[in-house]
Amino acid sequence: MMIANAERRGRQSLADEPRAATVRYDAPSGRIIAELTNGCGFAFPARMGEGLEDAADEDLAAVEILGNGYALHWERLDVDLSVPGLLAGLFGTKRYMDSMRAARAGGATSTAKAIAARKNGAKGGRPRKSAG
């Protein structure tokens, strides 16, 4: 009975959950484009994916679908990204995503930040680190 229930749940998840049916790299846009089994599609900037940041176009183009469509795989780069994760906006591990968020936050600009930078500059800028 338990096996039959597990098989039924498995068939149901294959029918319901979005999985990749096709995938390709579009070099002019720099995007990975996937069509899903449910008729939807999605695209993302290839170099946002963990392990893909510095990849050559020919390596990005060698993308494959794994695991009944649940993952995208780049053999040459030894990179796997989960389709459900990508659909949720996760382009890598938690650590990688945290570093991406921190980089964006550090690069943020605002009127208050510009005013503070000008005030600091008028005082001679950031204090130099002392040797020692």
N, C-alpha and C. Protein backbone atom coordinates (compact mmCIF):
# COMPACT_ATOMS: atom_id res chain seq x y z
N MET A 1 0.82 -1.21 0.00
CA MET A 1 0.00 0.00 0.00
C MET A 1 0.86 1.27 0.00
N MET A 2 1.93 1.28 0.84
CA MET A 2 2.79 2.46 0.91
C MET A 2 3.50 2.69 -0.42
N ILE A 3 3.94 1.62 -1.08
CA ILE A 3 4.62 1.76 -2.36
C ILE A 3 3.66 2.31 -3.41
N ALA A 4 2.46 1.81 -3.43
CA ALA A 4 1.45 2.28 -4.39
C ALA A 4 1.17 3.77 -4.19
N ASN A 5 1.08 4.20 -2.93
CA ASN A 5 0.84 5.62 -2.63
C ASN A 5 2.02 6.47 -3.08
N ALA A 6 3.23 5.99 -2.84
CA ALA A 6 4.43 6.73 -3.25
C ALA A 6 4.49 6.84 -4.77
N GLU A 7 4.16 5.77 -5.46
CA GLU A 7 4.16 5.80 -6.93
C GLU A 7 3.11 6.77 -7.45
N ARG A 8 1.95 6.79 -6.81
CA ARG A 8 0.88 7.71 -7.21
C ARG A 8 1.33 9.16 -7.00
N ARG A 9 1.94 9.44 -5.85
CA ARG A 9 2.44 10.80 -5.58
C ARG A 9 3.52 11.19 -6.59
N GLY A 10 4.37 10.25 -6.94
CA GLY A 10 5.41 10.51 -7.94
C GLY A 10 4.83 10.85 -9.30
N ARG A 11 3.84 10.08 -9.73
CA ARG A 11 3.18 10.36 -11.00
C ARG A 11 2.50 11.72 -10.97
N GLN A 12 1.87 12.04 -9.83
CA GLN A 12 1.19 13.33 -9.69
C GLN A 12 2.18 14.49 -9.75
N SER A 13 3.33 14.35 -9.08
CA SER A 13 4.31 15.44 -9.10
C SER A 13 4.90 15.61 -10.50
N LEU A 14 5.10 14.50 -11.23
CA LEU A 14 5.59 14.62 -12.60
C LEU A 14 4.57 15.34 -13.48
N ALA A 15 3.30 15.14 -13.20
CA ALA A 15 2.25 15.80 -13.99
C ALA A 15 2.08 17.26 -13.61
N ASP A 16 2.28 17.61 -12.33
CA ASP A 16 1.94 18.94 -11.84
C ASP A 16 3.12 19.92 -11.75
N GLU A 17 4.28 19.44 -11.37
CA GLU A 17 5.40 20.34 -11.10
C GLU A 17 6.07 20.78 -12.39
N PRO A 18 6.45 22.05 -12.46
CA PRO A 18 7.13 22.53 -13.67
C PRO A 18 8.52 21.91 -13.79
N ARG A 19 8.80 21.40 -14.98
CA ARG A 19 10.10 20.80 -15.28
C ARG A 19 10.54 21.30 -16.65
N ALA A 20 11.82 21.31 -16.88
CA ALA A 20 12.34 21.76 -18.17
C ALA A 20 12.08 20.70 -19.24
N ALA A 21 11.54 21.14 -20.37
CA ALA A 21 11.35 20.26 -21.52
C ALA A 21 12.46 20.51 -22.54
N THR A 22 12.84 21.78 -22.71
CA THR A 22 13.94 22.16 -23.59
C THR A 22 14.72 23.27 -22.91
N VAL A 23 15.99 23.39 -23.28
CA VAL A 23 16.82 24.47 -22.75
C VAL A 23 17.88 24.82 -23.78
N ARG A 24 18.22 26.10 -23.85
CA ARG A 24 19.27 26.55 -24.77
C ARG A 24 19.88 27.84 -24.24
N TYR A 25 21.07 28.11 -24.72
CA TYR A 25 21.74 29.37 -24.40
C TYR A 25 21.60 30.29 -25.59
N ASP A 26 21.12 31.51 -25.37
CA ASP A 26 20.99 32.52 -26.41
C ASP A 26 22.13 33.51 -26.24
N ALA A 27 23.18 33.35 -27.06
CA ALA A 27 24.38 34.18 -26.91
C ALA A 27 24.11 35.68 -27.07
N PRO A 28 23.31 36.13 -28.06
CA PRO A 28 23.11 37.58 -28.20
C PRO A 28 22.53 38.24 -26.94
N SER A 29 21.63 37.54 -26.26
CA SER A 29 21.03 38.13 -25.05
C SER A 29 21.77 37.72 -23.79
N GLY A 30 22.63 36.68 -23.89
CA GLY A 30 23.34 36.18 -22.71
C GLY A 30 22.43 35.44 -21.75
N ARG A 31 21.32 34.93 -22.25
CA ARG A 31 20.33 34.27 -21.39
C ARG A 31 20.24 32.77 -21.65
N ILE A 32 19.90 32.05 -20.58
CA ILE A 32 19.50 30.66 -20.68
C ILE A 32 17.98 30.69 -20.82
N ILE A 33 17.47 30.00 -21.83
CA ILE A 33 16.04 30.00 -22.10
C ILE A 33 15.53 28.57 -21.98
N ALA A 34 14.54 28.38 -21.13
CA ALA A 34 13.96 27.05 -20.91
C ALA A 34 12.47 27.08 -21.17
N GLU A 35 12.01 26.06 -21.85
CA GLU A 35 10.58 25.83 -22.02
C GLU A 35 10.21 24.72 -21.04
N LEU A 36 9.08 24.88 -20.35
CA LEU A 36 8.68 23.93 -19.33
C LEU A 36 7.63 22.96 -19.84
N THR A 37 7.49 21.84 -19.12
CA THR A 37 6.53 20.81 -19.53
C THR A 37 5.09 21.28 -19.40
N ASN A 38 4.85 22.35 -18.63
CA ASN A 38 3.48 22.85 -18.47
C ASN A 38 3.12 23.92 -19.49
N GLY A 39 4.02 24.14 -20.48
CA GLY A 39 3.75 25.12 -21.52
C GLY A 39 4.30 26.50 -21.24
N CYS A 40 4.75 26.74 -20.02
CA CYS A 40 5.35 28.02 -19.68
C CYS A 40 6.83 28.00 -20.05
N GLY A 41 7.46 29.13 -19.93
CA GLY A 41 8.89 29.22 -20.18
C GLY A 41 9.49 30.26 -19.27
N PHE A 42 10.80 30.24 -19.17
CA PHE A 42 11.50 31.28 -18.41
C PHE A 42 12.89 31.44 -18.96
N ALA A 43 13.47 32.60 -18.67
CA ALA A 43 14.83 32.91 -19.09
C ALA A 43 15.52 33.64 -17.96
N PHE A 44 16.84 33.47 -17.89
CA PHE A 44 17.60 34.21 -16.89
C PHE A 44 18.98 34.52 -17.46
N PRO A 45 19.59 35.62 -16.98
CA PRO A 45 20.95 35.94 -17.43
C PRO A 45 21.89 34.82 -16.99
N ALA A 46 22.53 34.17 -17.96
CA ALA A 46 23.35 32.99 -17.68
C ALA A 46 24.39 33.26 -16.60
N ARG A 47 25.01 34.41 -16.65
CA ARG A 47 26.13 34.67 -15.74
C ARG A 47 25.68 35.03 -14.33
N MET A 48 24.37 34.99 -14.08
CA MET A 48 23.88 35.12 -12.71
C MET A 48 23.95 33.80 -11.97
N GLY A 49 24.08 32.69 -12.71
CA GLY A 49 24.11 31.37 -12.09
C GLY A 49 25.47 31.09 -11.45
N GLU A 50 25.44 30.51 -10.28
CA GLU A 50 26.67 30.15 -9.58
C GLU A 50 27.47 29.17 -10.43
N GLY A 51 28.72 29.51 -10.67
CA GLY A 51 29.59 28.69 -11.48
C GLY A 51 29.56 29.05 -12.95
N LEU A 52 28.67 29.94 -13.33
CA LEU A 52 28.55 30.36 -14.74
C LEU A 52 29.07 31.77 -14.98
N GLU A 53 29.48 32.45 -13.93
CA GLU A 53 29.82 33.88 -14.01
C GLU A 53 30.86 34.18 -15.08
N ASP A 54 31.89 33.37 -15.20
CA ASP A 54 32.99 33.65 -16.13
C ASP A 54 33.05 32.66 -17.28
N ALA A 55 31.97 31.92 -17.50
CA ALA A 55 31.96 30.87 -18.51
C ALA A 55 31.98 31.45 -19.92
N ALA A 56 32.65 30.74 -20.82
CA ALA A 56 32.65 31.12 -22.23
C ALA A 56 31.31 30.75 -22.85
N ASP A 57 30.96 31.46 -23.91
CA ASP A 57 29.69 31.20 -24.59
C ASP A 57 29.55 29.74 -25.01
N GLU A 58 30.63 29.14 -25.54
CA GLU A 58 30.52 27.74 -25.99
C GLU A 58 30.28 26.79 -24.83
N ASP A 59 30.78 27.13 -23.63
CA ASP A 59 30.50 26.29 -22.46
C ASP A 59 29.06 26.48 -21.98
N LEU A 60 28.56 27.70 -22.04
CA LEU A 60 27.18 27.96 -21.65
C LEU A 60 26.21 27.27 -22.61
N ALA A 61 26.58 27.18 -23.87
CA ALA A 61 25.71 26.56 -24.87
C ALA A 61 25.61 25.04 -24.69
N ALA A 62 26.52 24.46 -23.92
CA ALA A 62 26.53 23.01 -23.72
C ALA A 62 25.65 22.61 -22.53
N VAL A 63 24.52 23.27 -22.37
CA VAL A 63 23.61 22.99 -21.26
C VAL A 63 22.74 21.78 -21.59
N GLU A 64 22.48 20.97 -20.57
CA GLU A 64 21.66 19.77 -20.71
C GLU A 64 20.57 19.77 -19.63
N ILE A 65 19.58 18.95 -19.84
CA ILE A 65 18.51 18.76 -18.85
C ILE A 65 18.77 17.45 -18.13
N LEU A 66 18.65 17.48 -16.80
CA LEU A 66 18.84 16.28 -15.98
C LEU A 66 17.58 15.98 -15.18
N GLY A 67 17.50 14.76 -14.67
CA GLY A 67 16.50 14.39 -13.67
C GLY A 67 15.08 14.67 -14.05
N ASN A 68 14.62 14.15 -15.18
CA ASN A 68 13.23 14.38 -15.62
C ASN A 68 12.89 15.85 -15.74
N GLY A 69 13.90 16.68 -15.97
CA GLY A 69 13.65 18.11 -16.15
C GLY A 69 13.76 18.94 -14.90
N TYR A 70 14.23 18.36 -13.80
CA TYR A 70 14.32 19.10 -12.55
C TYR A 70 15.62 19.86 -12.38
N ALA A 71 16.59 19.67 -13.30
CA ALA A 71 17.87 20.36 -13.17
C ALA A 71 18.45 20.67 -14.54
N LEU A 72 19.24 21.74 -14.58
CA LEU A 72 20.03 22.09 -15.76
C LEU A 72 21.48 21.77 -15.41
N HIS A 73 22.21 21.23 -16.39
CA HIS A 73 23.56 20.73 -16.12
C HIS A 73 24.53 21.20 -17.20
N TRP A 74 25.70 21.64 -16.76
CA TRP A 74 26.80 22.01 -17.64
C TRP A 74 27.97 21.09 -17.29
N GLU A 75 28.17 20.05 -18.07
CA GLU A 75 29.20 19.04 -17.80
C GLU A 75 30.59 19.66 -17.75
N ARG A 76 30.96 20.46 -18.74
CA ARG A 76 32.30 21.06 -18.80
C ARG A 76 32.59 21.95 -17.61
N LEU A 77 31.56 22.56 -17.08
CA LEU A 77 31.73 23.51 -15.97
C LEU A 77 31.47 22.86 -14.62
N ASP A 78 30.97 21.63 -14.61
CA ASP A 78 30.60 20.92 -13.39
C ASP A 78 29.60 21.75 -12.57
N VAL A 79 28.55 22.21 -13.25
CA VAL A 79 27.54 23.07 -12.63
C VAL A 79 26.17 22.44 -12.84
N ASP A 80 25.38 22.41 -11.78
CA ASP A 80 23.99 21.98 -11.83
C ASP A 80 23.14 23.04 -11.14
N LEU A 81 22.05 23.44 -11.77
CA LEU A 81 21.11 24.38 -11.16
C LEU A 81 19.73 23.75 -11.20
N SER A 82 19.01 23.85 -10.09
CA SER A 82 17.69 23.25 -9.98
C SER A 82 16.65 24.14 -10.67
N VAL A 83 15.78 23.53 -11.46
CA VAL A 83 14.73 24.27 -12.14
C VAL A 83 13.76 24.89 -11.13
N PRO A 84 13.28 24.15 -10.12
CA PRO A 84 12.42 24.80 -9.12
C PRO A 84 13.13 25.97 -8.42
N GLY A 85 14.41 25.81 -8.15
CA GLY A 85 15.17 26.89 -7.52
C GLY A 85 15.25 28.11 -8.42
N LEU A 86 15.58 27.89 -9.70
CA LEU A 86 15.65 29.01 -10.64
C LEU A 86 14.31 29.72 -10.75
N LEU A 87 13.23 28.95 -10.77
CA LEU A 87 11.89 29.56 -10.84
C LEU A 87 11.59 30.40 -9.60
N ALA A 88 12.23 30.04 -8.49
CA ALA A 88 12.05 30.80 -7.24
C ALA A 88 13.06 31.94 -7.13
N GLY A 89 13.89 32.12 -8.17
CA GLY A 89 14.86 33.21 -8.14
C GLY A 89 16.15 32.86 -7.43
N LEU A 90 16.43 31.56 -7.25
CA LEU A 90 17.66 31.11 -6.59
C LEU A 90 18.65 30.65 -7.65
N PHE A 91 19.75 31.37 -7.77
CA PHE A 91 20.72 31.10 -8.82
C PHE A 91 21.95 30.35 -8.30
N GLY A 92 21.86 29.83 -7.09
CA GLY A 92 22.97 29.07 -6.51
C GLY A 92 22.69 28.78 -5.04
N THR A 93 23.77 28.48 -4.32
CA THR A 93 23.66 28.14 -2.90
C THR A 93 23.25 29.36 -2.09
N LYS A 94 22.89 29.14 -0.85
CA LYS A 94 22.52 30.24 0.05
C LYS A 94 23.67 31.22 0.18
N ARG A 95 24.87 30.70 0.34
CA ARG A 95 26.05 31.57 0.47
C ARG A 95 26.22 32.44 -0.77
N TYR A 96 26.07 31.84 -1.95
CA TYR A 96 26.20 32.58 -3.20
C TYR A 96 25.12 33.66 -3.30
N MET A 97 23.88 33.30 -2.99
CA MET A 97 22.79 34.27 -3.06
C MET A 97 23.00 35.41 -2.06
N ASP A 98 23.49 35.09 -0.86
CA ASP A 98 23.78 36.14 0.12
C ASP A 98 24.84 37.09 -0.39
N SER A 99 25.88 36.56 -1.06
CA SER A 99 26.94 37.43 -1.59
C SER A 99 26.40 38.30 -2.72
N MET A 100 25.49 37.76 -3.54
CA MET A 100 24.87 38.56 -4.61
C MET A 100 24.05 39.70 -4.02
N ARG A 101 23.27 39.39 -2.97
CA ARG A 101 22.46 40.43 -2.33
C ARG A 101 23.35 41.50 -1.70
N ALA A 102 24.43 41.08 -1.05
CA ALA A 102 25.33 42.03 -0.40
C ALA A 102 25.99 42.94 -1.43
N ALA A 103 26.37 42.38 -2.56
CA ALA A 103 27.00 43.18 -3.62
C ALA A 103 26.02 44.23 -4.15
N ARG A 104 24.76 43.83 -4.34
CA ARG A 104 23.75 44.79 -4.81
C ARG A 104 23.50 45.87 -3.77
N ALA A 105 23.44 45.48 -2.49
CA ALA A 105 23.18 46.45 -1.43
C ALA A 105 24.32 47.45 -1.31
N GLY A 106 25.55 46.96 -1.43
CA GLY A 106 26.71 47.85 -1.34
C GLY A 106 26.79 48.82 -2.49
N GLY A 107 26.23 48.45 -3.62
CA GLY A 107 26.26 49.32 -4.79
C GLY A 107 25.07 50.26 -4.87
N ALA A 108 24.20 50.19 -3.89
CA ALA A 108 22.99 51.02 -3.91
C ALA A 108 23.36 52.49 -3.75
N THR A 109 22.61 53.32 -4.43
CA THR A 109 22.83 54.75 -4.31
C THR A 109 21.55 55.40 -3.81
N SER A 110 21.74 56.47 -3.10
CA SER A 110 20.60 57.25 -2.63
C SER A 110 21.08 58.67 -2.40
N THR A 111 20.14 59.57 -2.25
CA THR A 111 20.48 60.95 -1.98
C THR A 111 21.22 61.05 -0.66
N ALA A 112 20.76 60.34 0.36
CA ALA A 112 21.41 60.38 1.67
C ALA A 112 22.85 59.86 1.59
N LYS A 113 23.07 58.80 0.82
CA LYS A 113 24.41 58.25 0.68
C LYS A 113 25.33 59.25 -0.03
N ALA A 114 24.84 59.91 -1.06
CA ALA A 114 25.63 60.90 -1.79
C ALA A 114 26.00 62.08 -0.89
N ILE A 115 25.05 62.54 -0.09
CA ILE A 115 25.31 63.66 0.83
C ILE A 115 26.36 63.26 1.86
N ALA A 116 26.24 62.06 2.42
CA ALA A 116 27.21 61.58 3.41
C ALA A 116 28.60 61.46 2.79
N ALA A 117 28.68 60.99 1.55
CA ALA A 117 29.98 60.85 0.87
C ALA A 117 30.61 62.22 0.64
N ARG A 118 29.81 63.21 0.26
CA ARG A 118 30.35 64.56 0.05
C ARG A 118 30.85 65.17 1.36
N LYS A 119 30.09 64.97 2.44
CA LYS A 119 30.52 65.46 3.75
C LYS A 119 31.83 64.80 4.18
N ASN A 120 31.92 63.50 3.99
CA ASN A 120 33.12 62.78 4.35
C ASN A 120 34.30 63.25 3.50
N GLY A 121 34.05 63.49 2.21
CA GLY A 121 35.11 63.99 1.32
C GLY A 121 35.59 65.36 1.73
N ALA A 122 34.68 66.21 2.19
CA ALA A 122 35.06 67.56 2.63
C ALA A 122 35.96 67.51 3.86
N LYS A 123 35.86 66.45 4.62
CA LYS A 123 36.69 66.29 5.83
C LYS A 123 38.02 65.61 5.50
N GLY A 124 38.26 65.33 4.23
CA GLY A 124 39.51 64.67 3.87
C GLY A 124 39.33 63.21 3.50
N GLY A 125 38.11 62.74 3.47
CA GLY A 125 37.88 61.36 3.06
C GLY A 125 37.98 60.37 4.20
N ARG A 126 37.99 59.14 3.83
CA ARG A 126 38.07 58.05 4.80
C ARG A 126 39.45 58.05 5.46
N PRO A 127 39.49 57.90 6.78
CA PRO A 127 40.80 57.87 7.46
C PRO A 127 41.63 56.70 6.96
N ARG A 128 42.94 56.93 6.81
CA ARG A 128 43.83 55.87 6.37
C ARG A 128 44.01 54.87 7.51
N LYS A 129 44.19 53.61 7.12
CA LYS A 129 44.45 52.58 8.12
C LYS A 129 45.87 52.77 8.62
N SER A 130 46.02 52.66 9.92
CA SER A 130 47.35 52.80 10.48
C SER A 130 48.12 51.49 10.33
N ALA A 131 49.39 51.60 10.08
CA ALA A 131 50.24 50.41 9.94
C ALA A 131 50.51 49.86 11.34
N GLY A 132 50.32 48.59 11.47
CA GLY A 132 50.66 48.03 12.78
C GLY A 132 49.65 47.21 13.31
